[in-house]
Amino acid sequence: MTAATQALLEQALRLTAEERAELTEALLRADGHADPSLSAEELARVWRPELDRRRAEIERGEVQTVDARTAIEAMRDRLRSGAR
């Protein structure tokens, strides 16, 4: 992470949870990863079946969970190495 990116992250972490959510949404929209036509309630409704399916898989023991920090670090390693 560059010094500028690190400084920006530190600033973002000082925002309230609501402000961070707004910033995240704006960044995702700018990158084309969020549908700006969906409200938060519609987005929650659209994702509910997927979240329910994933929770059921965990409860049935079909998948193993991974600590978020471990998963993020693994993804960073993959991105650094160019792996997909």
N, C-alpha and C. Protein backbone atom coordinates (compact mmCIF):
# COMPACT_ATOMS: atom_id res chain seq x y z
N MET A 1 0.86 -1.17 0.00
CA MET A 1 0.00 0.00 0.00
C MET A 1 0.91 1.23 0.00
N THR A 2 0.59 2.16 -0.86
CA THR A 2 1.40 3.38 -0.91
C THR A 2 1.14 4.24 0.32
N ALA A 3 2.02 5.19 0.56
CA ALA A 3 1.84 6.10 1.70
C ALA A 3 0.56 6.90 1.55
N ALA A 4 0.26 7.32 0.33
CA ALA A 4 -0.97 8.09 0.09
C ALA A 4 -2.20 7.25 0.37
N THR A 5 -2.17 6.00 -0.06
CA THR A 5 -3.30 5.10 0.18
C THR A 5 -3.45 4.84 1.67
N GLN A 6 -2.34 4.62 2.35
CA GLN A 6 -2.38 4.37 3.80
C GLN A 6 -2.96 5.58 4.53
N ALA A 7 -2.55 6.79 4.13
CA ALA A 7 -3.07 8.01 4.76
C ALA A 7 -4.57 8.14 4.51
N LEU A 8 -5.00 7.83 3.31
CA LEU A 8 -6.42 7.89 2.99
C LEU A 8 -7.20 6.87 3.81
N LEU A 9 -6.67 5.67 3.95
CA LEU A 9 -7.31 4.65 4.77
C LEU A 9 -7.44 5.11 6.21
N GLU A 10 -6.40 5.67 6.75
CA GLU A 10 -6.44 6.15 8.13
C GLU A 10 -7.51 7.23 8.30
N GLN A 11 -7.63 8.10 7.31
CA GLN A 11 -8.68 9.13 7.36
C GLN A 11 -10.06 8.48 7.30
N ALA A 12 -10.22 7.51 6.41
CA ALA A 12 -11.51 6.84 6.24
C ALA A 12 -11.92 6.11 7.52
N LEU A 13 -10.96 5.54 8.22
CA LEU A 13 -11.27 4.80 9.44
C LEU A 13 -11.71 5.73 10.58
N ARG A 14 -11.44 7.01 10.45
CA ARG A 14 -11.90 7.97 11.46
C ARG A 14 -13.34 8.42 11.19
N LEU A 15 -13.90 8.04 10.05
CA LEU A 15 -15.29 8.39 9.73
C LEU A 15 -16.24 7.55 10.58
N THR A 16 -17.47 8.02 10.69
CA THR A 16 -18.49 7.21 11.36
C THR A 16 -18.81 6.00 10.49
N ALA A 17 -19.48 5.02 11.05
CA ALA A 17 -19.86 3.84 10.28
C ALA A 17 -20.73 4.23 9.09
N GLU A 18 -21.64 5.17 9.31
CA GLU A 18 -22.52 5.61 8.21
C GLU A 18 -21.71 6.30 7.11
N GLU A 19 -20.76 7.13 7.50
CA GLU A 19 -19.92 7.81 6.51
C GLU A 19 -19.06 6.81 5.73
N ARG A 20 -18.53 5.81 6.43
CA ARG A 20 -17.73 4.78 5.74
C ARG A 20 -18.59 4.00 4.76
N ALA A 21 -19.83 3.71 5.14
CA ALA A 21 -20.73 3.01 4.23
C ALA A 21 -21.00 3.85 2.99
N GLU A 22 -21.23 5.14 3.19
CA GLU A 22 -21.46 6.03 2.05
C GLU A 22 -20.23 6.09 1.14
N LEU A 23 -19.05 6.18 1.74
CA LEU A 23 -17.82 6.22 0.97
C LEU A 23 -17.63 4.92 0.20
N THR A 24 -17.86 3.80 0.86
CA THR A 24 -17.73 2.51 0.20
C THR A 24 -18.67 2.40 -0.99
N GLU A 25 -19.91 2.80 -0.79
CA GLU A 25 -20.90 2.75 -1.86
C GLU A 25 -20.45 3.63 -3.03
N ALA A 26 -19.97 4.82 -2.74
CA ALA A 26 -19.51 5.73 -3.80
C ALA A 26 -18.33 5.14 -4.56
N LEU A 27 -17.39 4.52 -3.85
CA LEU A 27 -16.24 3.91 -4.51
C LEU A 27 -16.66 2.73 -5.38
N LEU A 28 -17.57 1.91 -4.88
CA LEU A 28 -18.04 0.78 -5.67
C LEU A 28 -18.77 1.24 -6.92
N ARG A 29 -19.58 2.25 -6.78
CA ARG A 29 -20.30 2.79 -7.95
C ARG A 29 -19.32 3.36 -8.95
N ALA A 30 -18.30 4.05 -8.48
CA ALA A 30 -17.31 4.65 -9.37
C ALA A 30 -16.57 3.58 -10.15
N ASP A 31 -16.42 2.42 -9.56
CA ASP A 31 -15.72 1.30 -10.19
C ASP A 31 -16.65 0.40 -10.99
N GLY A 32 -17.95 0.71 -10.97
CA GLY A 32 -18.90 -0.10 -11.71
C GLY A 32 -19.32 -1.37 -11.01
N HIS A 33 -19.09 -1.48 -9.69
CA HIS A 33 -19.41 -2.70 -8.96
C HIS A 33 -20.70 -2.64 -8.16
N ALA A 34 -21.41 -1.56 -8.25
CA ALA A 34 -22.67 -1.45 -7.52
C ALA A 34 -23.72 -0.89 -8.45
N ASP A 35 -24.93 -1.35 -8.29
CA ASP A 35 -26.04 -0.86 -9.10
C ASP A 35 -26.61 0.38 -8.42
N PRO A 36 -26.37 1.56 -8.99
CA PRO A 36 -26.83 2.78 -8.33
C PRO A 36 -28.34 2.91 -8.28
N SER A 37 -29.03 2.07 -9.02
CA SER A 37 -30.49 2.16 -9.02
C SER A 37 -31.11 1.43 -7.82
N LEU A 38 -30.31 0.65 -7.08
CA LEU A 38 -30.84 -0.10 -5.94
C LEU A 38 -30.66 0.67 -4.64
N SER A 39 -31.73 0.78 -3.88
CA SER A 39 -31.63 1.37 -2.56
C SER A 39 -31.02 0.34 -1.62
N ALA A 40 -30.65 0.77 -0.42
CA ALA A 40 -30.09 -0.17 0.56
C ALA A 40 -31.07 -1.28 0.87
N GLU A 41 -32.37 -0.94 0.96
CA GLU A 41 -33.39 -1.94 1.26
C GLU A 41 -33.52 -2.94 0.10
N GLU A 42 -33.49 -2.44 -1.13
CA GLU A 42 -33.59 -3.33 -2.29
C GLU A 42 -32.36 -4.23 -2.39
N LEU A 43 -31.21 -3.66 -2.11
CA LEU A 43 -29.98 -4.44 -2.15
C LEU A 43 -30.03 -5.56 -1.12
N ALA A 44 -30.50 -5.25 0.08
CA ALA A 44 -30.64 -6.26 1.13
C ALA A 44 -31.62 -7.36 0.69
N ARG A 45 -32.71 -6.97 0.08
CA ARG A 45 -33.71 -7.94 -0.40
C ARG A 45 -33.12 -8.84 -1.48
N VAL A 46 -32.37 -8.26 -2.39
CA VAL A 46 -31.78 -9.02 -3.49
C VAL A 46 -30.75 -10.02 -2.96
N TRP A 47 -29.96 -9.63 -1.96
CA TRP A 47 -28.92 -10.49 -1.42
C TRP A 47 -29.41 -11.49 -0.40
N ARG A 48 -30.60 -11.32 0.15
CA ARG A 48 -31.11 -12.20 1.21
C ARG A 48 -31.04 -13.68 0.83
N PRO A 49 -31.50 -14.10 -0.36
CA PRO A 49 -31.43 -15.54 -0.68
C PRO A 49 -30.00 -16.08 -0.68
N GLU A 50 -29.06 -15.30 -1.18
CA GLU A 50 -27.66 -15.73 -1.19
C GLU A 50 -27.12 -15.85 0.22
N LEU A 51 -27.42 -14.88 1.05
CA LEU A 51 -26.96 -14.93 2.44
C LEU A 51 -27.57 -16.12 3.18
N ASP A 52 -28.85 -16.37 2.95
CA ASP A 52 -29.50 -17.52 3.58
C ASP A 52 -28.88 -18.83 3.12
N ARG A 53 -28.59 -18.93 1.82
CA ARG A 53 -27.98 -20.15 1.27
C ARG A 53 -26.60 -20.38 1.90
N ARG A 54 -25.82 -19.33 1.99
CA ARG A 54 -24.48 -19.47 2.57
C ARG A 54 -24.53 -19.83 4.05
N ARG A 55 -25.45 -19.23 4.78
CA ARG A 55 -25.59 -19.56 6.20
C ARG A 55 -25.98 -21.03 6.37
N ALA A 56 -26.89 -21.50 5.53
CA ALA A 56 -27.32 -22.90 5.61
C ALA A 56 -26.16 -23.85 5.32
N GLU A 57 -25.32 -23.51 4.34
CA GLU A 57 -24.15 -24.35 4.04
C GLU A 57 -23.22 -24.44 5.25
N ILE A 58 -23.03 -23.32 5.92
CA ILE A 58 -22.17 -23.31 7.11
C ILE A 58 -22.79 -24.16 8.21
N GLU A 59 -24.09 -23.97 8.44
CA GLU A 59 -24.77 -24.72 9.50
C GLU A 59 -24.77 -26.22 9.23
N ARG A 60 -24.83 -26.63 7.96
CA ARG A 60 -24.80 -28.06 7.61
C ARG A 60 -23.38 -28.62 7.61
N GLY A 61 -22.39 -27.75 7.79
CA GLY A 61 -21.00 -28.20 7.80
C GLY A 61 -20.44 -28.45 6.42
N GLU A 62 -21.08 -27.92 5.39
CA GLU A 62 -20.64 -28.14 4.01
C GLU A 62 -19.45 -27.25 3.64
N VAL A 63 -19.30 -26.15 4.33
CA VAL A 63 -18.18 -25.25 4.07
C VAL A 63 -17.56 -24.84 5.40
N GLN A 64 -16.31 -24.48 5.34
CA GLN A 64 -15.61 -24.02 6.53
C GLN A 64 -15.45 -22.51 6.44
N THR A 65 -15.61 -21.84 7.55
CA THR A 65 -15.41 -20.40 7.57
C THR A 65 -13.93 -20.10 7.77
N VAL A 66 -13.55 -18.90 7.37
CA VAL A 66 -12.18 -18.44 7.52
C VAL A 66 -12.25 -17.07 8.17
N ASP A 67 -11.38 -16.84 9.14
CA ASP A 67 -11.30 -15.53 9.77
C ASP A 67 -11.10 -14.46 8.70
N ALA A 68 -11.80 -13.33 8.84
CA ALA A 68 -11.75 -12.27 7.83
C ALA A 68 -10.33 -11.80 7.57
N ARG A 69 -9.55 -11.59 8.61
CA ARG A 69 -8.17 -11.12 8.41
C ARG A 69 -7.35 -12.12 7.62
N THR A 70 -7.56 -13.39 7.90
CA THR A 70 -6.84 -14.44 7.17
C THR A 70 -7.25 -14.43 5.71
N ALA A 71 -8.55 -14.32 5.45
CA ALA A 71 -9.05 -14.31 4.08
C ALA A 71 -8.55 -13.09 3.31
N ILE A 72 -8.56 -11.94 3.94
CA ILE A 72 -8.10 -10.71 3.28
C ILE A 72 -6.61 -10.82 2.96
N GLU A 73 -5.83 -11.31 3.90
CA GLU A 73 -4.40 -11.44 3.65
C GLU A 73 -4.14 -12.44 2.52
N ALA A 74 -4.90 -13.54 2.48
CA ALA A 74 -4.74 -14.52 1.41
C ALA A 74 -5.07 -13.89 0.05
N MET A 75 -6.12 -13.08 0.00
CA MET A 75 -6.48 -12.42 -1.26
C MET A 75 -5.41 -11.41 -1.66
N ARG A 76 -4.88 -10.68 -0.70
CA ARG A 76 -3.80 -9.73 -1.02
C ARG A 76 -2.59 -10.47 -1.59
N ASP A 77 -2.25 -11.60 -0.99
CA ASP A 77 -1.12 -12.40 -1.48
C ASP A 77 -1.38 -12.85 -2.92
N ARG A 78 -2.62 -13.30 -3.18
CA ARG A 78 -2.96 -13.74 -4.54
C ARG A 78 -2.88 -12.59 -5.53
N LEU A 79 -3.35 -11.41 -5.13
CA LEU A 79 -3.29 -10.26 -6.02
C LEU A 79 -1.85 -9.84 -6.29
N ARG A 80 -1.02 -9.88 -5.26
CA ARG A 80 0.39 -9.53 -5.43
C ARG A 80 1.09 -10.48 -6.38
N SER A 81 0.74 -11.76 -6.30
CA SER A 81 1.40 -12.76 -7.12
C SER A 81 0.81 -12.85 -8.54
N GLY A 82 -0.32 -12.17 -8.75
CA GLY A 82 -0.96 -12.22 -10.07
C GLY A 82 -1.84 -13.43 -10.27
N ALA A 83 -2.02 -14.24 -9.23
CA ALA A 83 -2.87 -15.44 -9.33
C ALA A 83 -4.34 -15.02 -9.37
N ARG A 84 -5.14 -15.86 -9.98
CA ARG A 84 -6.58 -15.58 -10.06
C ARG A 84 -7.33 -16.52 -9.17
